[in-house]
């Protein structure tokens, strides 16, 4: 995970940000699009890249990238430990 994303995770308001982002109407659609399209085109996408491309708030971009990368890491760990 990038240093930029880790900085947000350490903030005491991180859980509040996640809760607010999850309440956004378009959040799940943005997350799916980022996961299925944008990260396949450019795996090194940053939160600022997402803000520009999708015209979404920085907080939403940070949460989306954190969740997708955490899910991918967990999936990789499960597949390697199961063998």
Protein backbone atom coordinates (compact mmCIF):
# COMPACT_ATOMS: atom_id res chain seq x y z
CA UNK A 1 0.00 0.00 0.00
CA UNK A 2 1.29 3.45 -0.81
CA UNK A 3 2.52 5.86 1.82
CA UNK A 4 -0.17 8.28 0.68
CA UNK A 5 -2.96 5.84 1.56
CA UNK A 6 -1.35 4.71 4.82
CA UNK A 7 -1.32 8.30 6.03
CA UNK A 8 -5.13 8.40 5.90
CA UNK A 9 -5.55 5.06 7.67
CA UNK A 10 -3.75 6.36 10.74
CA UNK A 11 -6.09 9.33 11.11
CA UNK A 12 -8.69 8.98 13.91
CA UNK A 13 -11.39 10.19 11.49
CA UNK A 14 -10.77 7.33 9.03
CA UNK A 15 -13.80 5.28 10.22
CA UNK A 16 -16.02 8.36 9.81
CA UNK A 17 -14.74 8.93 6.27
CA UNK A 18 -15.42 5.29 5.35
CA UNK A 19 -18.95 5.51 6.75
CA UNK A 20 -19.69 8.70 4.80
CA UNK A 21 -18.27 7.29 1.56
CA UNK A 22 -20.33 4.11 1.91
CA UNK A 23 -23.43 6.29 2.16
CA UNK A 24 -22.76 7.96 -1.21
CA UNK A 25 -25.22 6.85 -3.88
CA UNK A 26 -22.65 6.24 -6.60
CA UNK A 27 -19.96 4.69 -4.37
CA UNK A 28 -20.53 1.04 -5.30
CA UNK A 29 -20.69 1.86 -9.02
CA UNK A 30 -17.50 3.90 -8.82
CA UNK A 31 -15.78 1.11 -6.90
CA UNK A 32 -16.80 -1.50 -9.47
CA UNK A 33 -15.64 0.70 -12.37
CA UNK A 34 -12.29 1.40 -10.72
CA UNK A 35 -11.78 -2.29 -9.98
CA UNK A 36 -12.87 -3.64 -13.37
CA UNK A 37 -11.58 -0.93 -15.70
CA UNK A 38 -9.24 1.73 -14.34
CA UNK A 39 -6.94 -0.48 -12.26
CA UNK A 40 -6.65 -2.96 -15.13
CA UNK A 41 -5.49 -0.12 -17.38
CA UNK A 42 -3.16 1.41 -14.78
CA UNK A 43 -2.53 -0.56 -11.56
CA UNK A 44 -0.54 2.35 -10.10
CA UNK A 45 -3.53 4.71 -10.12
CA UNK A 46 -3.46 7.24 -7.27
CA UNK A 47 -6.38 8.83 -5.43
CA UNK A 48 -5.69 12.09 -7.25
CA UNK A 49 -5.90 10.27 -10.60
CA UNK A 50 -9.33 8.95 -9.64
CA UNK A 51 -10.51 12.39 -8.57
CA UNK A 52 -9.60 13.77 -11.96
CA UNK A 53 -10.91 10.90 -14.09
CA UNK A 54 -14.18 10.28 -12.24
CA UNK A 55 -14.77 13.77 -10.82
CA UNK A 56 -15.24 12.31 -7.33
CA UNK A 57 -14.11 13.63 -3.93
CA UNK A 58 -10.63 12.72 -2.72
CA UNK A 59 -12.08 10.91 0.31
CA UNK A 60 -14.12 8.60 -1.90
CA UNK A 61 -11.08 7.87 -4.08
CA UNK A 62 -8.93 7.04 -1.05
CA UNK A 63 -11.54 4.68 0.42
CA UNK A 64 -12.14 2.94 -2.92
CA UNK A 65 -8.45 2.33 -3.56
CA UNK A 66 -7.86 1.16 -0.01
CA UNK A 67 -10.73 -1.31 -0.14
CA UNK A 68 -9.86 -2.71 -3.57
CA UNK A 69 -6.18 -3.12 -2.73
CA UNK A 70 -6.98 -4.66 0.66
CA UNK A 71 -9.38 -7.13 -0.97
CA UNK A 72 -6.77 -8.03 -3.57
CA UNK A 73 -4.10 -8.53 -0.92
CA UNK A 74 -6.40 -10.71 1.20
CA UNK A 75 -7.35 -12.77 -1.85
CA UNK A 76 -3.68 -13.31 -2.74
CA UNK A 77 -2.82 -14.32 0.83
CA UNK A 78 -5.70 -16.83 0.90
CA UNK A 79 -4.70 -18.41 -2.39
CA UNK A 80 -1.03 -18.80 -1.40
CA UNK A 81 -1.76 -20.13 2.08
CA UNK A 82 -4.27 -22.66 0.73
CA UNK A 83 -1.67 -24.40 -1.44
